[in-house]
Amino acid sequence: MIKIVSVEQIQAIEATADANGIPYDTMFERVALAVTERVQYHISGLLEPRVAILVGSGNNGGDGLVTAVQLAQANPDLQIGVYLVKPREADDSQLQAVRDANIFVAEAENDQQYRVLRNMVASANVVIDAIFGIGVRLPLEGDITKIMRNISQALRPPAIPPVEGVLIDPKSPRSVRSSARQVVISMDCPSGVNCDTGEVDKLAIKADETITFIAVKQGLLLPPAADHVGNLLVATLGIPQDQDNLKAVELGYADGALVQTMLPERPTSGHKGTFGKVMIAAGSVNYTGAAGLSAMAAYRSGAGLVTVAAPGPVVAGLASQMLEATWIMLPHDMGVIGEKA
């Protein structure tokens, strides 16, 4: 089961993994690999694709820098630009690795009119948001608000409607790509989102995909943050699911694969009588949908035979739409179930 955690819980889980033989540097590499795979998917088939990586000063920014190097190694001809929204330490080994890979690096402190930032974002097929991680404090203040506003203004409007719903398995993508569409991928959480409360800054990034790590941060599922997440993917980073503090998390996301493991096997020799019978007594001329929706829900849950007991006018209205069900016409008074029923 995909676990749902608070910021405090995930920090403890990461620290335990580091102490148990999966160091933070290894987690950085695995984060970068997960993001690289998604970028590869989105740029596949594009001519001269471009990727812009927006990098903050913390660990989330470090993830973005490692991703830049992995992308360059996997795609020697890919045009990659890294934009530092805040300065990194002078001895930052991750930034040095980016420079050693001959990746273009721009810095906000040298881009006073933010022309470079706007051009990088506007021309990119994929924009990777690695500005703020799970520890961001809201509201955003100072120069970063100017940067975030320029990013928002430079992003191209979507060429197609966004894909709805939560996507847990990154190997079964439901997103749609085209050469005209720009894709925004947020690493761990969209910048400007509080991963505990679901609060968002007015300048928060709106992602097409959010790749979160190890477990789902609870704020990503709460409004209004959920509107900024886009498709939600989870990269477990190889953290053992039986690690004590991860295993102890009780809250989880029930996806289709999990539910399937809970259902009994259906024998190949089964028939509609094998899988249970449901009787639904419902409906009136004003509320025909109650009977129809209930019957459909029963079938979708796996029931073998569903019988709907309803007033005659309701049966007449639904029978042609639901060929699977059987029907009992109940006595009625002007379309409402009668006392004799």
C-alpha atoms as a PDB file:
ATOM      1  CA  MET A   1       0.000   0.000   0.000  1.00  0.00           C
ATOM      2  CA  ILE A   2       1.241   3.489  -0.843  1.00  0.00           C
ATOM      3  CA  LYS A   3       1.584   5.234   2.515  1.00  0.00           C
ATOM      4  CA  ILE A   4       0.389   8.784   3.233  1.00  0.00           C
ATOM      5  CA  VAL A   5       2.689  10.679   5.577  1.00  0.00           C
ATOM      6  CA  SER A   6       3.285  14.012   7.249  1.00  0.00           C
ATOM      7  CA  VAL A   7       6.464  16.008   6.678  1.00  0.00           C
ATOM      8  CA  GLU A   8       7.763  14.990  10.110  1.00  0.00           C
ATOM      9  CA  GLN A   9       7.147  11.320   9.354  1.00  0.00           C
ATOM     10  CA  ILE A  10       8.925  11.371   5.983  1.00  0.00           C
ATOM     11  CA  GLN A  11      11.948  13.147   7.446  1.00  0.00           C
ATOM     12  CA  ALA A  12      12.235  10.416  10.090  1.00  0.00           C
ATOM     13  CA  ILE A  13      11.795   7.701   7.444  1.00  0.00           C
ATOM     14  CA  GLU A  14      14.575   9.192   5.308  1.00  0.00           C
ATOM     15  CA  ALA A  15      16.897   9.484   8.313  1.00  0.00           C
ATOM     16  CA  THR A  16      16.303   5.843   9.227  1.00  0.00           C
ATOM     17  CA  ALA A  17      16.951   4.709   5.660  1.00  0.00           C
ATOM     18  CA  ASP A  18      20.197   6.693   5.650  1.00  0.00           C
ATOM     19  CA  ALA A  19      21.275   5.046   8.918  1.00  0.00           C
ATOM     20  CA  ASN A  20      20.311   1.592   7.600  1.00  0.00           C
ATOM     21  CA  GLY A  21      22.499   1.637   4.517  1.00  0.00           C
ATOM     22  CA  ILE A  22      20.657   3.764   1.942  1.00  0.00           C
ATOM     23  CA  PRO A  23      22.575   7.051   2.211  1.00  0.00           C
ATOM     24  CA  TYR A  24      21.103  10.362   1.160  1.00  0.00           C
ATOM     25  CA  ASP A  25      23.402  10.492  -1.881  1.00  0.00           C
ATOM     26  CA  THR A  26      21.897   7.207  -3.079  1.00  0.00           C
ATOM     27  CA  MET A  27      18.412   8.610  -2.565  1.00  0.00           C
ATOM     28  CA  PHE A  28      19.412  11.674  -4.633  1.00  0.00           C
ATOM     29  CA  GLU A  29      20.509   9.385  -7.463  1.00  0.00           C
ATOM     30  CA  ARG A  30      17.296   7.360  -7.336  1.00  0.00           C
ATOM     31  CA  VAL A  31      15.185  10.518  -7.271  1.00  0.00           C
ATOM     32  CA  ALA A  32      17.004  11.748 -10.356  1.00  0.00           C
ATOM     33  CA  LEU A  33      16.517   8.410 -12.106  1.00  0.00           C
ATOM     34  CA  ALA A  34      12.751   8.511 -11.503  1.00  0.00           C
ATOM     35  CA  VAL A  35      12.458  12.047 -12.862  1.00  0.00           C
ATOM     36  CA  THR A  36      14.743  11.268 -15.807  1.00  0.00           C
ATOM     37  CA  GLU A  37      12.499   8.366 -16.824  1.00  0.00           C
ATOM     38  CA  ARG A  38       9.462  10.639 -16.900  1.00  0.00           C
ATOM     39  CA  VAL A  39      11.273  13.325 -18.867  1.00  0.00           C
ATOM     40  CA  GLN A  40      12.361  10.666 -21.360  1.00  0.00           C
ATOM     41  CA  TYR A  41       8.723   9.716 -21.799  1.00  0.00           C
ATOM     42  CA  HIS A  42       7.618  13.284 -22.462  1.00  0.00           C
ATOM     43  CA  ILE A  43      10.399  14.202 -24.902  1.00  0.00           C
ATOM     44  CA  SER A  44      10.279  10.944 -26.846  1.00  0.00           C
ATOM     45  CA  GLY A  45       9.791  11.676 -30.533  1.00  0.00           C
ATOM     46  CA  LEU A  46      10.324  15.433 -30.229  1.00  0.00           C
ATOM     47  CA  LEU A  47      12.808  17.224 -32.445  1.00  0.00           C
ATOM     48  CA  GLU A  48      15.467  19.128 -30.496  1.00  0.00           C
ATOM     49  CA  PRO A  49      13.663  18.974 -27.141  1.00  0.00           C
ATOM     50  CA  ARG A  50      14.572  21.404 -24.390  1.00  0.00           C
ATOM     51  CA  VAL A  51      14.422  20.975 -20.636  1.00  0.00           C
ATOM     52  CA  ALA A  52      14.573  23.789 -18.077  1.00  0.00           C
ATOM     53  CA  ILE A  53      15.358  22.873 -14.468  1.00  0.00           C
ATOM     54  CA  LEU A  54      14.480  25.465 -11.815  1.00  0.00           C
ATOM     55  CA  VAL A  55      16.748  24.890  -8.817  1.00  0.00           C
ATOM     56  CA  GLY A  56      16.412  26.129  -5.260  1.00  0.00           C
ATOM     57  CA  SER A  57      19.001  26.269  -2.503  1.00  0.00           C
ATOM     58  CA  GLY A  58      17.931  23.221  -0.476  1.00  0.00           C
ATOM     59  CA  ASN A  59      17.781  19.451  -0.907  1.00  0.00           C
ATOM     60  CA  ASN A  60      15.033  19.762  -3.505  1.00  0.00           C
ATOM     61  CA  GLY A  61      17.363  21.896  -5.585  1.00  0.00           C
ATOM     62  CA  GLY A  62      20.060  19.263  -5.094  1.00  0.00           C
ATOM     63  CA  ASP A  63      17.676  16.691  -6.547  1.00  0.00           C
ATOM     64  CA  GLY A  64      17.252  18.953  -9.565  1.00  0.00           C
ATOM     65  CA  LEU A  65      21.011  19.266 -10.093  1.00  0.00           C
ATOM     66  CA  VAL A  66      21.567  15.504  -9.949  1.00  0.00           C
ATOM     67  CA  THR A  67      18.685  15.100 -12.397  1.00  0.00           C
ATOM     68  CA  ALA A  68      20.351  17.544 -14.797  1.00  0.00           C
ATOM     69  CA  VAL A  69      23.506  15.424 -14.867  1.00  0.00           C
ATOM     70  CA  GLN A  70      21.590  12.175 -15.361  1.00  0.00           C
ATOM     71  CA  LEU A  71      19.555  13.702 -18.181  1.00  0.00           C
ATOM     72  CA  ALA A  72      22.710  14.903 -19.901  1.00  0.00           C
ATOM     73  CA  GLN A  73      24.283  11.473 -19.617  1.00  0.00           C
ATOM     74  CA  ALA A  74      21.181   9.747 -20.985  1.00  0.00           C
ATOM     75  CA  ASN A  75      20.611  12.291 -23.777  1.00  0.00           C
ATOM     76  CA  PRO A  76      23.871  13.852 -25.019  1.00  0.00           C
ATOM     77  CA  ASP A  77      22.012  16.004 -27.564  1.00  0.00           C
ATOM     78  CA  LEU A  78      19.335  17.226 -25.164  1.00  0.00           C
ATOM     79  CA  GLN A  79      19.351  20.986 -24.572  1.00  0.00           C
ATOM     80  CA  ILE A  80      19.309  21.441 -20.802  1.00  0.00           C
ATOM     81  CA  GLY A  81      19.271  24.693 -18.904  1.00  0.00           C
ATOM     82  CA  VAL A  82      19.619  25.009 -15.127  1.00  0.00           C
ATOM     83  CA  TYR A  83      18.368  28.160 -13.431  1.00  0.00           C
ATOM     84  CA  LEU A  84      19.454  28.843  -9.842  1.00  0.00           C
ATOM     85  CA  VAL A  85      16.704  30.842  -8.177  1.00  0.00           C
ATOM     86  CA  LYS A  86      18.961  31.188  -5.121  1.00  0.00           C
ATOM     87  CA  PRO A  87      22.749  30.884  -4.822  1.00  0.00           C
ATOM     88  CA  ARG A  88      24.208  27.498  -3.909  1.00  0.00           C
ATOM     89  CA  GLU A  89      27.240  27.043  -1.669  1.00  0.00           C
ATOM     90  CA  ALA A  90      30.558  27.715  -3.412  1.00  0.00           C
ATOM     91  CA  ASP A  91      31.775  24.166  -2.737  1.00  0.00           C
ATOM     92  CA  ASP A  92      28.490  22.499  -3.800  1.00  0.00           C
ATOM     93  CA  SER A  93      29.608  19.224  -5.414  1.00  0.00           C
ATOM     94  CA  GLN A  94      26.260  18.734  -7.158  1.00  0.00           C
ATOM     95  CA  LEU A  95      26.498  22.135  -8.855  1.00  0.00           C
ATOM     96  CA  GLN A  96      30.106  21.432  -9.807  1.00  0.00           C
ATOM     97  CA  ALA A  97      29.021  18.166 -11.427  1.00  0.00           C
ATOM     98  CA  VAL A  98      26.512  20.132 -13.521  1.00  0.00           C
ATOM     99  CA  ARG A  99      29.221  22.544 -14.656  1.00  0.00           C
ATOM    100  CA  ASP A 100      31.607  19.659 -15.398  1.00  0.00           C
ATOM    101  CA  ALA A 101      28.902  18.183 -17.644  1.00  0.00           C
ATOM    102  CA  ASN A 102      28.914  21.456 -19.664  1.00  0.00           C
ATOM    103  CA  ILE A 103      25.261  22.136 -18.798  1.00  0.00           C
ATOM    104  CA  PHE A 104      24.174  25.760 -19.152  1.00  0.00           C
ATOM    105  CA  VAL A 105      23.684  27.388 -15.745  1.00  0.00           C
ATOM    106  CA  ALA A 106      22.036  30.768 -15.136  1.00  0.00           C
ATOM    107  CA  GLU A 107      21.673  32.505 -11.792  1.00  0.00           C
ATOM    108  CA  ALA A 108      18.875  34.785 -10.653  1.00  0.00           C
ATOM    109  CA  GLU A 109      21.313  37.173  -8.990  1.00  0.00           C
ATOM    110  CA  ASN A 110      22.845  37.878 -12.419  1.00  0.00           C
ATOM    111  CA  ASP A 111      19.496  38.049 -14.222  1.00  0.00           C
ATOM    112  CA  GLN A 112      18.079  41.298 -12.891  1.00  0.00           C
ATOM    113  CA  GLN A 113      15.268  41.635 -15.435  1.00  0.00           C
ATOM    114  CA  TYR A 114      14.630  37.844 -15.441  1.00  0.00           C
ATOM    115  CA  ARG A 115      14.890  37.747 -19.244  1.00  0.00           C
ATOM    116  CA  VAL A 116      16.991  34.579 -19.148  1.00  0.00           C
ATOM    117  CA  LEU A 117      14.495  32.920 -16.813  1.00  0.00           C
ATOM    118  CA  ARG A 118      11.519  33.768 -19.009  1.00  0.00           C
ATOM    119  CA  ASN A 119      13.279  32.607 -22.173  1.00  0.00           C
ATOM    120  CA  MET A 120      14.374  29.312 -20.590  1.00  0.00           C
ATOM    121  CA  VAL A 121      10.888  28.530 -19.296  1.00  0.00           C
ATOM    122  CA  ALA A 122       8.997  29.654 -22.404  1.00  0.00           C
ATOM    123  CA  SER A 123      11.203  27.658 -24.796  1.00  0.00           C
ATOM    124  CA  ALA A 124      11.263  24.414 -22.788  1.00  0.00           C
ATOM    125  CA  ASN A 125       9.257  21.321 -23.671  1.00  0.00           C
ATOM    126  CA  VAL A 126       9.650  20.130 -20.091  1.00  0.00           C
ATOM    127  CA  VAL A 127      10.036  22.399 -17.058  1.00  0.00           C
ATOM    128  CA  ILE A 128      11.298  20.679 -13.894  1.00  0.00           C
ATOM    129  CA  ASP A 129      10.318  22.411 -10.671  1.00  0.00           C
ATOM    130  CA  ALA A 130      12.998  21.785  -8.022  1.00  0.00           C
ATOM    131  CA  ILE A 131      12.712  25.106  -6.199  1.00  0.00           C
ATOM    132  CA  PHE A 132      11.115  24.305  -2.849  1.00  0.00           C
ATOM    133  CA  GLY A 133      10.722  20.965  -1.142  1.00  0.00           C
ATOM    134  CA  ILE A 134       8.540  19.778   1.693  1.00  0.00           C
ATOM    135  CA  GLY A 135       9.925  22.301   4.185  1.00  0.00           C
ATOM    136  CA  VAL A 136       8.730  25.486   2.486  1.00  0.00           C
ATOM    137  CA  ARG A 137       7.282  28.239   4.679  1.00  0.00           C
ATOM    138  CA  LEU A 138       4.317  30.218   3.422  1.00  0.00           C
ATOM    139  CA  PRO A 139       3.551  32.839   2.347  1.00  0.00           C
ATOM    140  CA  LEU A 140       6.496  33.339   0.018  1.00  0.00           C
ATOM    141  CA  GLU A 141       8.231  36.662   0.555  1.00  0.00           C
ATOM    142  CA  GLY A 142      11.021  38.759  -0.922  1.00  0.00           C
ATOM    143  CA  ASP A 143      12.746  38.367  -4.285  1.00  0.00           C
ATOM    144  CA  ILE A 144      11.472  34.822  -4.751  1.00  0.00           C
ATOM    145  CA  THR A 145       7.984  36.219  -5.362  1.00  0.00           C
ATOM    146  CA  LYS A 146       9.305  38.108  -8.412  1.00  0.00           C
ATOM    147  CA  ILE A 147      10.922  34.928  -9.698  1.00  0.00           C
ATOM    148  CA  MET A 148       7.785  32.855  -9.170  1.00  0.00           C
ATOM    149  CA  ARG A 149       5.659  35.484 -10.913  1.00  0.00           C
ATOM    150  CA  ASN A 150       7.992  35.509 -13.923  1.00  0.00           C
ATOM    151  CA  ILE A 151       7.891  31.711 -14.077  1.00  0.00           C
ATOM    152  CA  SER A 152       4.099  31.768 -14.080  1.00  0.00           C
ATOM    153  CA  GLN A 153       3.999  34.378 -16.835  1.00  0.00           C
ATOM    154  CA  ALA A 154       6.514  32.478 -18.979  1.00  0.00           C
ATOM    155  CA  LEU A 155       4.822  29.085 -18.835  1.00  0.00           C
ATOM    156  CA  ARG A 156       2.938  28.299 -22.017  1.00  0.00           C
ATOM    157  CA  PRO A 157      -0.798  27.660 -21.645  1.00  0.00           C
ATOM    158  CA  PRO A 158      -1.718  23.982 -22.006  1.00  0.00           C
ATOM    159  CA  ALA A 159      -2.426  22.880 -25.562  1.00  0.00           C
ATOM    160  CA  ILE A 160      -4.761  20.145 -24.309  1.00  0.00           C
ATOM    161  CA  PRO A 161      -6.816  19.729 -21.131  1.00  0.00           C
ATOM    162  CA  PRO A 162      -4.884  18.237 -18.193  1.00  0.00           C
ATOM    163  CA  VAL A 163      -5.383  14.570 -17.361  1.00  0.00           C
ATOM    164  CA  GLU A 164      -7.465  14.106 -14.235  1.00  0.00           C
ATOM    165  CA  GLY A 165      -6.988  11.625 -11.424  1.00  0.00           C
ATOM    166  CA  VAL A 166      -4.208  10.124  -9.397  1.00  0.00           C
ATOM    167  CA  LEU A 167      -1.570   7.999 -11.090  1.00  0.00           C
ATOM    168  CA  ILE A 168       0.398   5.797  -8.725  1.00  0.00           C
ATOM    169  CA  ASP A 169       2.228   3.562 -11.198  1.00  0.00           C
ATOM    170  CA  PRO A 170       4.632   5.591 -13.367  1.00  0.00           C
ATOM    171  CA  LYS A 171       4.961   2.634 -15.744  1.00  0.00           C
ATOM    172  CA  SER A 172       1.314   2.981 -16.778  1.00  0.00           C
ATOM    173  CA  PRO A 173       1.142   6.653 -17.818  1.00  0.00           C
ATOM    174  CA  ARG A 174      -2.213   8.149 -18.703  1.00  0.00           C
ATOM    175  CA  SER A 175      -0.893  11.569 -19.610  1.00  0.00           C
ATOM    176  CA  VAL A 176      -1.017  12.726 -23.213  1.00  0.00           C
ATOM    177  CA  ARG A 177       1.933  14.346 -24.930  1.00  0.00           C
ATOM    178  CA  SER A 178       2.313  16.329 -28.115  1.00  0.00           C
ATOM    179  CA  SER A 179       5.080  18.476 -29.521  1.00  0.00           C
ATOM    180  CA  ALA A 180       2.976  21.577 -28.850  1.00  0.00           C
ATOM    181  CA  ARG A 181       2.458  20.866 -25.201  1.00  0.00           C
ATOM    182  CA  GLN A 182       4.715  22.019 -22.410  1.00  0.00           C
ATOM    183  CA  VAL A 183       4.893  19.730 -19.387  1.00  0.00           C
ATOM    184  CA  VAL A 184       5.668  20.928 -15.864  1.00  0.00           C
ATOM    185  CA  ILE A 185       7.071  18.271 -13.526  1.00  0.00           C
ATOM    186  CA  SER A 186       7.405  19.058  -9.833  1.00  0.00           C
ATOM    187  CA  MET A 187       9.870  17.103  -7.733  1.00  0.00           C
ATOM    188  CA  ASP A 188       8.334  15.832  -4.470  1.00  0.00           C
ATOM    189  CA  CYS A 189       5.777  18.659  -4.341  1.00  0.00           C
ATOM    190  CA  PRO A 190       4.893  21.745  -6.372  1.00  0.00           C
ATOM    191  CA  SER A 191       6.858  24.748  -5.133  1.00  0.00           C
ATOM    192  CA  GLY A 192       4.696  26.954  -2.958  1.00  0.00           C
ATOM    193  CA  VAL A 193       2.606  24.077  -1.570  1.00  0.00           C
ATOM    194  CA  ASN A 194       2.526  23.153   2.112  1.00  0.00           C
ATOM    195  CA  CYS A 195       2.858  19.359   2.117  1.00  0.00           C
ATOM    196  CA  ASP A 196       1.255  19.022   5.540  1.00  0.00           C
ATOM    197  CA  THR A 197      -1.794  21.271   5.356  1.00  0.00           C
ATOM    198  CA  GLY A 198      -2.505  21.583   1.636  1.00  0.00           C
ATOM    199  CA  GLU A 199      -2.140  25.356   1.868  1.00  0.00           C
ATOM    200  CA  VAL A 200      -0.806  27.045  -1.280  1.00  0.00           C
ATOM    201  CA  ASP A 201       0.853  30.350  -1.975  1.00  0.00           C
ATOM    202  CA  LYS A 202      -0.827  32.527  -4.584  1.00  0.00           C
ATOM    203  CA  LEU A 203       2.284  32.083  -6.756  1.00  0.00           C
ATOM    204  CA  ALA A 204       2.582  28.311  -6.293  1.00  0.00           C
ATOM    205  CA  ILE A 205       3.569  26.205  -9.299  1.00  0.00           C
ATOM    206  CA  LYS A 206       0.769  24.304 -11.034  1.00  0.00           C
ATOM    207  CA  ALA A 207       2.285  21.025 -12.149  1.00  0.00           C
ATOM    208  CA  ASP A 208       1.151  18.595 -14.817  1.00  0.00           C
ATOM    209  CA  GLU A 209       2.890  15.843 -12.865  1.00  0.00           C
ATOM    210  CA  THR A 210       4.244  15.639  -9.360  1.00  0.00           C
ATOM    211  CA  ILE A 211       6.734  12.884  -8.618  1.00  0.00           C
ATOM    212  CA  THR A 212       6.754  12.423  -4.874  1.00  0.00           C
ATOM    213  CA  PHE A 213       9.243  10.186  -3.109  1.00  0.00           C
ATOM    214  CA  ILE A 214       8.930   7.180  -0.779  1.00  0.00           C
ATOM    215  CA  ALA A 215       5.343   8.008   0.241  1.00  0.00           C
ATOM    216  CA  VAL A 216       2.570  10.488  -0.564  1.00  0.00           C
ATOM    217  CA  LYS A 217       2.761  13.680   1.461  1.00  0.00           C
ATOM    218  CA  GLN A 218      -0.661  14.240   3.004  1.00  0.00           C
ATOM    219  CA  GLY A 219      -0.949  17.868   1.870  1.00  0.00           C
ATOM    220  CA  LEU A 220      -0.806  16.833  -1.788  1.00  0.00           C
ATOM    221  CA  LEU A 221      -4.201  15.158  -1.453  1.00  0.00           C
ATOM    222  CA  LEU A 222      -5.886  18.094   0.291  1.00  0.00           C
ATOM    223  CA  PRO A 223      -7.507  21.151  -1.285  1.00  0.00           C
ATOM    224  CA  PRO A 224      -6.413  23.572  -2.546  1.00  0.00           C
ATOM    225  CA  ALA A 225      -3.013  21.885  -3.065  1.00  0.00           C
ATOM    226  CA  ALA A 226      -4.583  18.972  -4.939  1.00  0.00           C
ATOM    227  CA  ASP A 227      -5.368  21.353  -7.806  1.00  0.00           C
ATOM    228  CA  HIS A 228      -1.633  22.080  -8.201  1.00  0.00           C
ATOM    229  CA  VAL A 229      -0.395  18.483  -8.223  1.00  0.00           C
ATOM    230  CA  GLY A 230      -1.578  17.178 -11.599  1.00  0.00           C
ATOM    231  CA  ASN A 231      -0.883  13.476 -12.026  1.00  0.00           C
ATOM    232  CA  LEU A 232       0.657  12.101  -8.850  1.00  0.00           C
ATOM    233  CA  LEU A 233       3.437   9.550  -9.203  1.00  0.00           C
ATOM    234  CA  VAL A 234       5.269   7.813  -6.368  1.00  0.00           C
ATOM    235  CA  ALA A 235       8.904   6.710  -6.574  1.00  0.00           C
ATOM    236  CA  THR A 236       9.654   4.520  -3.543  1.00  0.00           C
ATOM    237  CA  LEU A 237      13.457   4.885  -3.994  1.00  0.00           C
ATOM    238  CA  GLY A 238      13.985   1.303  -2.906  1.00  0.00           C
ATOM    239  CA  ILE A 239      13.183   2.061   0.734  1.00  0.00           C
ATOM    240  CA  PRO A 240      12.088  -1.272   2.296  1.00  0.00           C
ATOM    241  CA  GLN A 241       8.373  -1.237   2.976  1.00  0.00           C
ATOM    242  CA  ASP A 242       8.993  -3.169   6.189  1.00  0.00           C
ATOM    243  CA  GLN A 243      11.211  -0.426   7.633  1.00  0.00           C
ATOM    244  CA  ASP A 244       9.720   0.041  11.085  1.00  0.00           C
ATOM    245  CA  ASN A 245       8.703   3.694  10.937  1.00  0.00           C
ATOM    246  CA  LEU A 246       7.351   3.320   7.381  1.00  0.00           C
ATOM    247  CA  LYS A 247       5.491   0.126   8.201  1.00  0.00           C
ATOM    248  CA  ALA A 248       3.973   1.826  11.259  1.00  0.00           C
ATOM    249  CA  VAL A 249       2.238   4.488   9.118  1.00  0.00           C
ATOM    250  CA  GLU A 250      -1.445   3.585   9.214  1.00  0.00           C
ATOM    251  CA  LEU A 251      -2.771   5.974   6.572  1.00  0.00           C
ATOM    252  CA  GLY A 252      -2.533   4.716   3.008  1.00  0.00           C
ATOM    253  CA  TYR A 253      -3.721   5.315  -0.529  1.00  0.00           C
ATOM    254  CA  ALA A 254      -5.981   2.541  -1.772  1.00  0.00           C
ATOM    255  CA  ASP A 255      -5.302   2.223  -5.479  1.00  0.00           C
ATOM    256  CA  GLY A 256      -6.768  -0.368  -7.831  1.00  0.00           C
ATOM    257  CA  ALA A 257      -3.856  -2.778  -7.432  1.00  0.00           C
ATOM    258  CA  LEU A 258      -4.275  -2.822  -3.641  1.00  0.00           C
ATOM    259  CA  VAL A 259      -8.021  -3.367  -3.805  1.00  0.00           C
ATOM    260  CA  GLN A 260      -7.527  -6.227  -6.255  1.00  0.00           C
ATOM    261  CA  THR A 261      -5.369  -8.075  -3.728  1.00  0.00           C
ATOM    262  CA  MET A 262      -8.194  -7.865  -1.184  1.00  0.00           C
ATOM    263  CA  LEU A 263     -10.847  -9.397  -3.428  1.00  0.00           C
ATOM    264  CA  PRO A 264     -11.424 -13.165  -3.590  1.00  0.00           C
ATOM    265  CA  GLU A 265     -10.491 -14.978  -6.762  1.00  0.00           C
ATOM    266  CA  ARG A 266     -13.364 -15.592  -9.177  1.00  0.00           C
ATOM    267  CA  PRO A 267     -13.439 -19.235 -10.297  1.00  0.00           C
ATOM    268  CA  THR A 268     -13.502 -19.778 -14.051  1.00  0.00           C
ATOM    269  CA  SER A 269     -16.421 -22.175 -13.587  1.00  0.00           C
ATOM    270  CA  GLY A 270     -18.472 -19.506 -11.789  1.00  0.00           C
ATOM    271  CA  HIS A 271     -21.763 -18.049 -12.972  1.00  0.00           C
ATOM    272  CA  LYS A 272     -24.004 -15.228 -11.833  1.00  0.00           C
ATOM    273  CA  GLY A 273     -25.332 -17.273  -8.940  1.00  0.00           C
ATOM    274  CA  THR A 274     -21.811 -17.900  -7.643  1.00  0.00           C
ATOM    275  CA  PHE A 275     -20.996 -14.302  -6.869  1.00  0.00           C
ATOM    276  CA  GLY A 276     -23.837 -13.240  -4.612  1.00  0.00           C
ATOM    277  CA  LYS A 277     -27.273 -11.753  -5.046  1.00  0.00           C
ATOM    278  CA  VAL A 278     -28.397  -8.219  -4.250  1.00  0.00           C
ATOM    279  CA  MET A 279     -31.924  -6.899  -3.830  1.00  0.00           C
ATOM    280  CA  ILE A 280     -32.472  -3.159  -4.183  1.00  0.00           C
ATOM    281  CA  ALA A 281     -35.794  -1.604  -3.192  1.00  0.00           C
ATOM    282  CA  ALA A 282     -35.644   2.015  -4.296  1.00  0.00           C
ATOM    283  CA  GLY A 283     -36.817   4.740  -6.571  1.00  0.00           C
ATOM    284  CA  SER A 284     -39.769   6.941  -7.397  1.00  0.00           C
ATOM    285  CA  VAL A 285     -40.752   8.908 -10.480  1.00  0.00           C
ATOM    286  CA  ASN A 286     -38.812  11.872  -9.092  1.00  0.00           C
ATOM    287  CA  TYR A 287     -35.729   9.829  -8.139  1.00  0.00           C
ATOM    288  CA  THR A 288     -35.252   7.109 -10.734  1.00  0.00           C
ATOM    289  CA  GLY A 289     -31.488   7.535 -10.549  1.00  0.00           C
ATOM    290  CA  ALA A 290     -31.314   6.175  -6.990  1.00  0.00           C
ATOM    291  CA  ALA A 291     -32.358   2.709  -8.122  1.00  0.00           C
ATOM    292  CA  GLY A 292     -30.221   2.733 -11.259  1.00  0.00           C
ATOM    293  CA  LEU A 293     -27.035   3.992  -9.582  1.00  0.00           C
ATOM    294  CA  SER A 294     -27.426   1.519  -6.715  1.00  0.00           C
ATOM    295  CA  ALA A 295     -27.845  -1.399  -9.109  1.00  0.00           C
ATOM    296  CA  MET A 296     -24.835  -0.363 -11.184  1.00  0.00           C
ATOM    297  CA  ALA A 297     -22.725   0.009  -8.025  1.00  0.00           C
ATOM    298  CA  ALA A 298     -23.716  -3.492  -6.951  1.00  0.00           C
ATOM    299  CA  TYR A 299     -22.629  -4.919 -10.296  1.00  0.00           C
ATOM    300  CA  ARG A 300     -19.355  -3.002 -10.249  1.00  0.00           C
ATOM    301  CA  SER A 301     -18.568  -4.370  -6.793  1.00  0.00           C
ATOM    302  CA  GLY A 302     -18.789  -7.884  -8.228  1.00  0.00           C
ATOM    303  CA  ALA A 303     -22.310  -9.060  -7.393  1.00  0.00           C
ATOM    304  CA  GLY A 304     -23.549 -11.764  -9.740  1.00  0.00           C
ATOM    305  CA  LEU A 305     -27.299 -11.159  -9.772  1.00  0.00           C
ATOM    306  CA  VAL A 306     -28.991  -7.848  -8.988  1.00  0.00           C
ATOM    307  CA  THR A 307     -32.734  -7.492  -8.650  1.00  0.00           C
ATOM    308  CA  VAL A 308     -34.345  -4.058  -8.526  1.00  0.00           C
ATOM    309  CA  ALA A 309     -37.706  -3.734  -6.798  1.00  0.00           C
ATOM    310  CA  ALA A 310     -39.211  -0.404  -7.837  1.00  0.00           C
ATOM    311  CA  PRO A 311     -42.449   1.261  -8.929  1.00  0.00           C
ATOM    312  CA  GLY A 312     -43.583   0.382 -12.438  1.00  0.00           C
ATOM    313  CA  PRO A 313     -42.736   3.788 -13.956  1.00  0.00           C
ATOM    314  CA  VAL A 314     -39.178   3.481 -12.587  1.00  0.00           C
ATOM    315  CA  VAL A 315     -38.775  -0.038 -13.978  1.00  0.00           C
ATOM    316  CA  ALA A 316     -40.004   1.137 -17.367  1.00  0.00           C
ATOM    317  CA  GLY A 317     -37.488   3.948 -17.401  1.00  0.00           C
ATOM    318  CA  LEU A 318     -34.474   1.886 -16.344  1.00  0.00           C
ATOM    319  CA  ALA A 319     -34.992  -1.580 -17.834  1.00  0.00           C
ATOM    320  CA  SER A 320     -33.817  -0.576 -21.309  1.00  0.00           C
ATOM    321  CA  GLN A 321     -30.645   0.958 -19.834  1.00  0.00           C
ATOM    322  CA  MET A 322     -29.683  -1.938 -17.535  1.00  0.00           C
ATOM    323  CA  LEU A 323     -29.981  -5.210 -19.386  1.00  0.00           C
ATOM    324  CA  GLU A 324     -28.173  -7.205 -16.668  1.00  0.00           C
ATOM    325  CA  ALA A 325     -30.663  -6.623 -13.849  1.00  0.00           C
ATOM    326  CA  THR A 326     -33.898  -8.454 -13.065  1.00  0.00           C
ATOM    327  CA  TRP A 327     -36.948  -6.502 -11.953  1.00  0.00           C
ATOM    328  CA  ILE A 328     -39.840  -6.629  -9.524  1.00  0.00           C
ATOM    329  CA  MET A 329     -42.635  -4.130 -10.101  1.00  0.00           C
ATOM    330  CA  LEU A 330     -43.893  -2.811  -6.779  1.00  0.00           C
ATOM    331  CA  PRO A 331     -47.344  -1.383  -6.097  1.00  0.00           C
ATOM    332  CA  HIS A 332     -47.135   2.367  -6.211  1.00  0.00           C
ATOM    333  CA  ASP A 333     -49.108   5.504  -5.584  1.00  0.00           C
ATOM    334  CA  MET A 334     -48.539   8.002  -8.410  1.00  0.00           C
ATOM    335  CA  GLY A 335     -45.027   6.668  -8.987  1.00  0.00           C
ATOM    336  CA  VAL A 336     -44.008   6.399  -5.320  1.00  0.00           C
ATOM    337  CA  ILE A 337     -43.603   2.982  -3.620  1.00  0.00           C
ATOM    338  CA  GLY A 338     -46.961   2.172  -2.073  1.00  0.00           C
ATOM    339  CA  GLU A 339     -47.809   0.837   1.386  1.00  0.00           C
ATOM    340  CA  LYS A 340     -48.714  -2.609  -0.010  1.00  0.00           C
ATOM    341  CA  ALA A 341     -45.305  -3.016  -1.593  1.00  0.00           C
END
